[in-house]
PDB file of all heavy atoms in Angstrom:
ATOM      1  N   VAL A   1     113.824  94.458  89.556  1.00  0.00           N
ATOM      2  CA  VAL A   1     114.561  93.249  89.931  1.00  0.00           C
ATOM      3  C   VAL A   1     113.783  92.397  90.957  1.00  0.00           C
ATOM      4  O   VAL A   1     113.738  91.223  90.847  1.00  0.00           O
ATOM      5  CB  VAL A   1     115.970  93.642  90.612  1.00  0.00           C
ATOM      6  CG1 VAL A   1     116.691  92.418  91.150  1.00  0.00           C
ATOM      7  CG2 VAL A   1     116.877  94.312  89.506  1.00  0.00           C
ATOM      8  N   LEU A   2     113.107  93.065  91.921  1.00  0.00           N
ATOM      9  CA  LEU A   2     112.296  92.372  92.846  1.00  0.00           C
ATOM     10  C   LEU A   2     111.079  91.725  92.326  1.00  0.00           C
ATOM     11  O   LEU A   2     110.709  90.563  92.664  1.00  0.00           O
ATOM     12  CB  LEU A   2     111.888  93.366  94.015  1.00  0.00           C
ATOM     13  CG  LEU A   2     113.009  93.899  94.827  1.00  0.00           C
ATOM     14  CD1 LEU A   2     112.365  94.950  95.822  1.00  0.00           C
ATOM     15  CD2 LEU A   2     113.699  92.790  95.610  1.00  0.00           C
ATOM     16  N   PHE A   3     110.381  92.366  91.338  1.00  0.00           N
ATOM     17  CA  PHE A   3     109.190  91.851  90.742  1.00  0.00           C
ATOM     18  C   PHE A   3     109.343  91.834  89.232  1.00  0.00           C
ATOM     19  O   PHE A   3     108.580  92.677  88.613  1.00  0.00           O
ATOM     20  CB  PHE A   3     108.027  92.682  91.182  1.00  0.00           C
ATOM     21  CG  PHE A   3     107.964  92.990  92.683  1.00  0.00           C
ATOM     22  CD1 PHE A   3     108.186  94.274  93.124  1.00  0.00           C
ATOM     23  CD2 PHE A   3     107.765  91.997  93.591  1.00  0.00           C
ATOM     24  CE1 PHE A   3     108.165  94.598  94.504  1.00  0.00           C
ATOM     25  CE2 PHE A   3     107.745  92.272  94.944  1.00  0.00           C
ATOM     26  CZ  PHE A   3     107.943  93.561  95.336  1.00  0.00           C
ATOM     27  N   PRO A   4     110.135  90.971  88.661  1.00  0.00           N
ATOM     28  CA  PRO A   4     110.359  91.034  87.177  1.00  0.00           C
ATOM     29  C   PRO A   4     109.135  90.603  86.406  1.00  0.00           C
ATOM     30  O   PRO A   4     108.957  91.057  85.300  1.00  0.00           O
ATOM     31  CB  PRO A   4     111.527  90.057  87.034  1.00  0.00           C
ATOM     32  CG  PRO A   4     111.526  89.140  88.195  1.00  0.00           C
ATOM     33  CD  PRO A   4     110.960  89.943  89.299  1.00  0.00           C
ATOM     34  N   GLU A   5     108.337  89.681  86.930  1.00  0.00           N
ATOM     35  CA  GLU A   5     107.255  89.106  86.111  1.00  0.00           C
ATOM     36  C   GLU A   5     105.937  89.334  86.836  1.00  0.00           C
ATOM     37  O   GLU A   5     104.919  89.572  86.246  1.00  0.00           O
ATOM     38  CB  GLU A   5     107.528  87.722  85.772  1.00  0.00           C
ATOM     39  CG  GLU A   5     108.715  87.574  84.887  1.00  0.00           C
ATOM     40  CD  GLU A   5     109.064  86.078  84.532  1.00  0.00           C
ATOM     41  OE1 GLU A   5     108.495  85.201  85.252  1.00  0.00           O
ATOM     42  OE2 GLU A   5     109.856  85.827  83.655  1.00  0.00           O
ATOM     43  N   GLU A   6     105.939  88.991  88.194  1.00  0.00           N
ATOM     44  CA  GLU A   6     104.669  89.043  88.901  1.00  0.00           C
ATOM     45  C   GLU A   6     104.921  89.578  90.290  1.00  0.00           C
ATOM     46  O   GLU A   6     106.147  89.566  90.745  1.00  0.00           O
ATOM     47  CB  GLU A   6     104.014  87.693  88.980  1.00  0.00           C
ATOM     48  CG  GLU A   6     104.911  86.642  89.657  1.00  0.00           C
ATOM     49  CD  GLU A   6     104.214  85.270  89.663  1.00  0.00           C
ATOM     50  OE1 GLU A   6     103.226  85.119  88.975  1.00  0.00           O
ATOM     51  OE2 GLU A   6     104.700  84.383  90.399  1.00  0.00           O
ATOM     52  N   PHE A   7     103.907  90.038  90.964  1.00  0.00           N
ATOM     53  CA  PHE A   7     104.103  90.646  92.283  1.00  0.00           C
ATOM     54  C   PHE A   7     104.334  89.495  93.299  1.00  0.00           C
ATOM     55  O   PHE A   7     103.509  88.944  93.901  1.00  0.00           O
ATOM     56  CB  PHE A   7     102.876  91.437  92.677  1.00  0.00           C
ATOM     57  CG  PHE A   7     103.085  92.307  93.894  1.00  0.00           C
ATOM     58  CD1 PHE A   7     103.536  93.562  93.786  1.00  0.00           C
ATOM     59  CD2 PHE A   7     102.766  91.828  95.194  1.00  0.00           C
ATOM     60  CE1 PHE A   7     103.768  94.405  94.904  1.00  0.00           C
ATOM     61  CE2 PHE A   7     102.930  92.624  96.278  1.00  0.00           C
ATOM     62  CZ  PHE A   7     103.423  93.911  96.178  1.00  0.00           C
ATOM     63  N   HIS A   8     105.670  89.277  93.546  1.00  0.00           N
ATOM     64  CA  HIS A   8     106.031  88.233  94.495  1.00  0.00           C
ATOM     65  C   HIS A   8     107.391  88.567  95.195  1.00  0.00           C
ATOM     66  O   HIS A   8     108.404  88.606  94.454  1.00  0.00           O
ATOM     67  CB  HIS A   8     106.189  86.869  93.840  1.00  0.00           C
ATOM     68  CG  HIS A   8     106.685  85.806  94.739  1.00  0.00           C
ATOM     69  ND1 HIS A   8     105.870  85.316  95.765  1.00  0.00           N
ATOM     70  CD2 HIS A   8     107.780  85.041  94.831  1.00  0.00           C
ATOM     71  CE1 HIS A   8     106.514  84.363  96.415  1.00  0.00           C
ATOM     72  NE2 HIS A   8     107.709  84.196  95.831  1.00  0.00           N
ATOM     73  N   PHE A   9     107.260  88.828  96.420  1.00  0.00           N
ATOM     74  CA  PHE A   9     108.466  89.271  97.156  1.00  0.00           C
ATOM     75  C   PHE A   9     109.015  88.152  97.994  1.00  0.00           C
ATOM     76  O   PHE A   9     108.525  87.882  99.098  1.00  0.00           O
ATOM     77  CB  PHE A   9     108.166  90.423  98.061  1.00  0.00           C
ATOM     78  CG  PHE A   9     109.421  91.194  98.524  1.00  0.00           C
ATOM     79  CD1 PHE A   9     109.970  92.193  97.723  1.00  0.00           C
ATOM     80  CD2 PHE A   9     109.951  90.901  99.736  1.00  0.00           C
ATOM     81  CE1 PHE A   9     111.109  92.907  98.223  1.00  0.00           C
ATOM     82  CE2 PHE A   9     111.148  91.647 100.172  1.00  0.00           C
ATOM     83  CZ  PHE A   9     111.682  92.594  99.407  1.00  0.00           C
ATOM     84  N   GLY A  10     110.055  87.398  97.484  1.00  0.00           N
ATOM     85  CA  GLY A  10     110.548  86.237  98.166  1.00  0.00           C
ATOM     86  C   GLY A  10     111.413  86.583  99.326  1.00  0.00           C
ATOM     87  O   GLY A  10     111.963  87.678  99.442  1.00  0.00           O
ATOM     88  N   ILE A  11     111.621  85.635 100.267  1.00  0.00           N
ATOM     89  CA  ILE A  11     112.437  85.861 101.407  1.00  0.00           C
ATOM     90  C   ILE A  11     113.916  86.107 100.985  1.00  0.00           C
ATOM     91  O   ILE A  11     114.596  86.876 101.678  1.00  0.00           O
ATOM     92  CB  ILE A  11     112.373  84.592 102.346  1.00  0.00           C
ATOM     93  CG1 ILE A  11     113.120  84.878 103.619  1.00  0.00           C
ATOM     94  CG2 ILE A  11     112.907  83.368 101.666  1.00  0.00           C
ATOM     95  CD1 ILE A  11     112.491  85.911 104.517  1.00  0.00           C
ATOM     96  N   ALA A  12     114.329  85.479  99.931  1.00  0.00           N
ATOM     97  CA  ALA A  12     115.735  85.715  99.442  1.00  0.00           C
ATOM     98  C   ALA A  12     115.970  87.135  99.104  1.00  0.00           C
ATOM     99  O   ALA A  12     117.015  87.805  99.395  1.00  0.00           O
ATOM    100  CB  ALA A  12     116.062  84.821  98.297  1.00  0.00           C
ATOM    101  N   ASN A  13     114.940  87.761  98.443  1.00  0.00           N
ATOM    102  CA  ASN A  13     115.051  89.176  97.993  1.00  0.00           C
ATOM    103  C   ASN A  13     114.995  90.162  99.220  1.00  0.00           C
ATOM    104  O   ASN A  13     115.600  91.153  99.268  1.00  0.00           O
ATOM    105  CB  ASN A  13     113.919  89.528  97.067  1.00  0.00           C
ATOM    106  CG  ASN A  13     114.174  88.949  95.637  1.00  0.00           C
ATOM    107  OD1 ASN A  13     115.304  88.643  95.341  1.00  0.00           O
ATOM    108  ND2 ASN A  13     113.082  88.846  94.912  1.00  0.00           N
ATOM    109  N   MET A  14     114.337  89.716 100.249  1.00  0.00           N
ATOM    110  CA  MET A  14     114.313  90.483 101.483  1.00  0.00           C
ATOM    111  C   MET A  14     115.657  90.499 102.144  1.00  0.00           C
ATOM    112  O   MET A  14     116.138  91.547 102.509  1.00  0.00           O
ATOM    113  CB  MET A  14     113.312  89.886 102.511  1.00  0.00           C
ATOM    114  CG  MET A  14     111.821  90.020 102.012  1.00  0.00           C
ATOM    115  SD  MET A  14     110.618  89.282 103.232  1.00  0.00           S
ATOM    116  CE  MET A  14     110.901  90.392 104.595  1.00  0.00           C
ATOM    117  N   TRP A  15     116.348  89.348 102.134  1.00  0.00           N
ATOM    118  CA  TRP A  15     117.731  89.304 102.629  1.00  0.00           C
ATOM    119  C   TRP A  15     118.660  90.152 101.779  1.00  0.00           C
ATOM    120  O   TRP A  15     119.499  90.912 102.273  1.00  0.00           O
ATOM    121  CB  TRP A  15     118.240  87.903 102.632  1.00  0.00           C
ATOM    122  CG  TRP A  15     117.733  87.021 103.782  1.00  0.00           C
ATOM    123  CD1 TRP A  15     116.846  85.956 103.703  1.00  0.00           C
ATOM    124  CD2 TRP A  15     118.037  87.181 105.228  1.00  0.00           C
ATOM    125  NE1 TRP A  15     116.618  85.419 104.940  1.00  0.00           N
ATOM    126  CE2 TRP A  15     117.384  86.140 105.883  1.00  0.00           C
ATOM    127  CE3 TRP A  15     118.868  87.991 105.925  1.00  0.00           C
ATOM    128  CZ2 TRP A  15     117.433  85.965 107.208  1.00  0.00           C
ATOM    129  CZ3 TRP A  15     118.962  87.867 107.309  1.00  0.00           C
ATOM    130  CH2 TRP A  15     118.259  86.850 107.963  1.00  0.00           C
ATOM    131  N   GLY A  16     118.438  90.098 100.452  1.00  0.00           N
ATOM    132  CA  GLY A  16     119.334  90.808  99.575  1.00  0.00           C
ATOM    133  C   GLY A  16     119.168  92.334  99.701  1.00  0.00           C
ATOM    134  O   GLY A  16     120.141  93.095  99.759  1.00  0.00           O
ATOM    135  N   LEU A  17     117.924  92.806  99.808  1.00  0.00           N
ATOM    136  CA  LEU A  17     117.689  94.259  99.995  1.00  0.00           C
ATOM    137  C   LEU A  17     118.146  94.649 101.417  1.00  0.00           C
ATOM    138  O   LEU A  17     118.697  95.802 101.557  1.00  0.00           O
ATOM    139  CB  LEU A  17     116.172  94.522  99.840  1.00  0.00           C
ATOM    140  CG  LEU A  17     115.795  96.011  99.729  1.00  0.00           C
ATOM    141  CD1 LEU A  17     116.487  96.671  98.510  1.00  0.00           C
ATOM    142  CD2 LEU A  17     114.299  96.182  99.678  1.00  0.00           C
ATOM    143  N   GLY A  18     117.998  93.816 102.362  1.00  0.00           N
ATOM    144  CA  GLY A  18     118.554  94.103 103.746  1.00  0.00           C
ATOM    145  C   GLY A  18     120.033  94.265 103.707  1.00  0.00           C
ATOM    146  O   GLY A  18     120.548  95.118 104.458  1.00  0.00           O
ATOM    147  N   SER A  19     120.741  93.487 102.910  1.00  0.00           N
ATOM    148  CA  SER A  19     122.198  93.619 102.820  1.00  0.00           C
ATOM    149  C   SER A  19     122.546  94.927 102.246  1.00  0.00           C
ATOM    150  O   SER A  19     123.566  95.568 102.655  1.00  0.00           O
ATOM    151  CB  SER A  19     122.757  92.465 102.034  1.00  0.00           C
ATOM    152  OG  SER A  19     122.448  92.581 100.669  1.00  0.00           O
ATOM    153  N   GLY A  20     121.782  95.408 101.256  1.00  0.00           N
ATOM    154  CA  GLY A  20     122.122  96.687 100.586  1.00  0.00           C
ATOM    155  C   GLY A  20     121.899  97.838 101.590  1.00  0.00           C
ATOM    156  O   GLY A  20     122.752  98.802 101.656  1.00  0.00           O
ATOM    157  N   ILE A  21     120.810  97.814 102.410  1.00  0.00           N
ATOM    158  CA  ILE A  21     120.537  98.879 103.322  1.00  0.00           C
ATOM    159  C   ILE A  21     121.596  98.924 104.447  1.00  0.00           C
ATOM    160  O   ILE A  21     122.107  99.984 104.781  1.00  0.00           O
ATOM    161  CB  ILE A  21     119.151  98.717 103.903  1.00  0.00           C
ATOM    162  CG1 ILE A  21     118.074  98.900 102.813  1.00  0.00           C
ATOM    163  CG2 ILE A  21     118.867  99.772 104.988  1.00  0.00           C
ATOM    164  CD1 ILE A  21     116.640  98.554 103.171  1.00  0.00           C
ATOM    165  N   THR A  22     121.875  97.792 105.018  1.00  0.00           N
ATOM    166  CA  THR A  22     122.826  97.745 106.115  1.00  0.00           C
ATOM    167  C   THR A  22     124.245  97.939 105.627  1.00  0.00           C
ATOM    168  O   THR A  22     125.057  98.559 106.365  1.00  0.00           O
ATOM    169  CB  THR A  22     122.781  96.390 106.883  1.00  0.00           C
ATOM    170  OG1 THR A  22     122.800  95.320 105.970  1.00  0.00           O
ATOM    171  CG2 THR A  22     121.422  96.295 107.621  1.00  0.00           C
ATOM    172  N   ALA A  23     124.586  97.530 104.482  1.00  0.00           N
ATOM    173  CA  ALA A  23     125.893  97.853 103.877  1.00  0.00           C
ATOM    174  C   ALA A  23     126.086  99.368 103.720  1.00  0.00           C
ATOM    175  O   ALA A  23     127.185  99.856 103.844  1.00  0.00           O
ATOM    176  CB  ALA A  23     126.125  97.149 102.535  1.00  0.00           C
ATOM    177  N   ALA A  24     124.988 100.101 103.392  1.00  0.00           N
ATOM    178  CA  ALA A  24     125.069 101.531 103.219  1.00  0.00           C
ATOM    179  C   ALA A  24     125.452 102.151 104.589  1.00  0.00           C
ATOM    180  O   ALA A  24     126.275 103.061 104.663  1.00  0.00           O
ATOM    181  CB  ALA A  24     123.767 102.085 102.708  1.00  0.00           C
ATOM    182  N   ALA A  25     124.754 101.668 105.605  1.00  0.00           N
ATOM    183  CA  ALA A  25     125.068 102.152 107.011  1.00  0.00           C
ATOM    184  C   ALA A  25     126.526 101.878 107.388  1.00  0.00           C
ATOM    185  O   ALA A  25     127.192 102.653 107.943  1.00  0.00           O
ATOM    186  CB  ALA A  25     124.124 101.567 108.086  1.00  0.00           C
ATOM    187  N   ALA A  26     127.011 100.647 106.945  1.00  0.00           N
ATOM    188  CA  ALA A  26     128.418 100.304 107.280  1.00  0.00           C
ATOM    189  C   ALA A  26     129.352 101.229 106.507  1.00  0.00           C
ATOM    190  O   ALA A  26     130.413 101.550 107.059  1.00  0.00           O
ATOM    191  CB  ALA A  26     128.669  98.859 106.868  1.00  0.00           C
ATOM    192  N   MET A  27     129.049 101.653 105.273  1.00  0.00           N
ATOM    193  CA  MET A  27     129.823 102.469 104.485  1.00  0.00           C
ATOM    194  C   MET A  27     129.934 103.915 105.151  1.00  0.00           C
ATOM    195  O   MET A  27     130.984 104.556 105.212  1.00  0.00           O
ATOM    196  CB  MET A  27     129.323 102.636 103.077  1.00  0.00           C
ATOM    197  CG  MET A  27     129.512 101.463 102.258  1.00  0.00           C
ATOM    198  SD  MET A  27     131.357 101.255 101.971  1.00  0.00           S
ATOM    199  CE  MET A  27     131.315  99.714 101.023  1.00  0.00           C
TER     200      MET A  27
END
């Protein structure tokens, strides 16, 4: 999902992955 076509990690994906990690801690 992060790199579907080429190696490029956008700032939006960083926020998205950060939400997943912190949401896990919240759970």
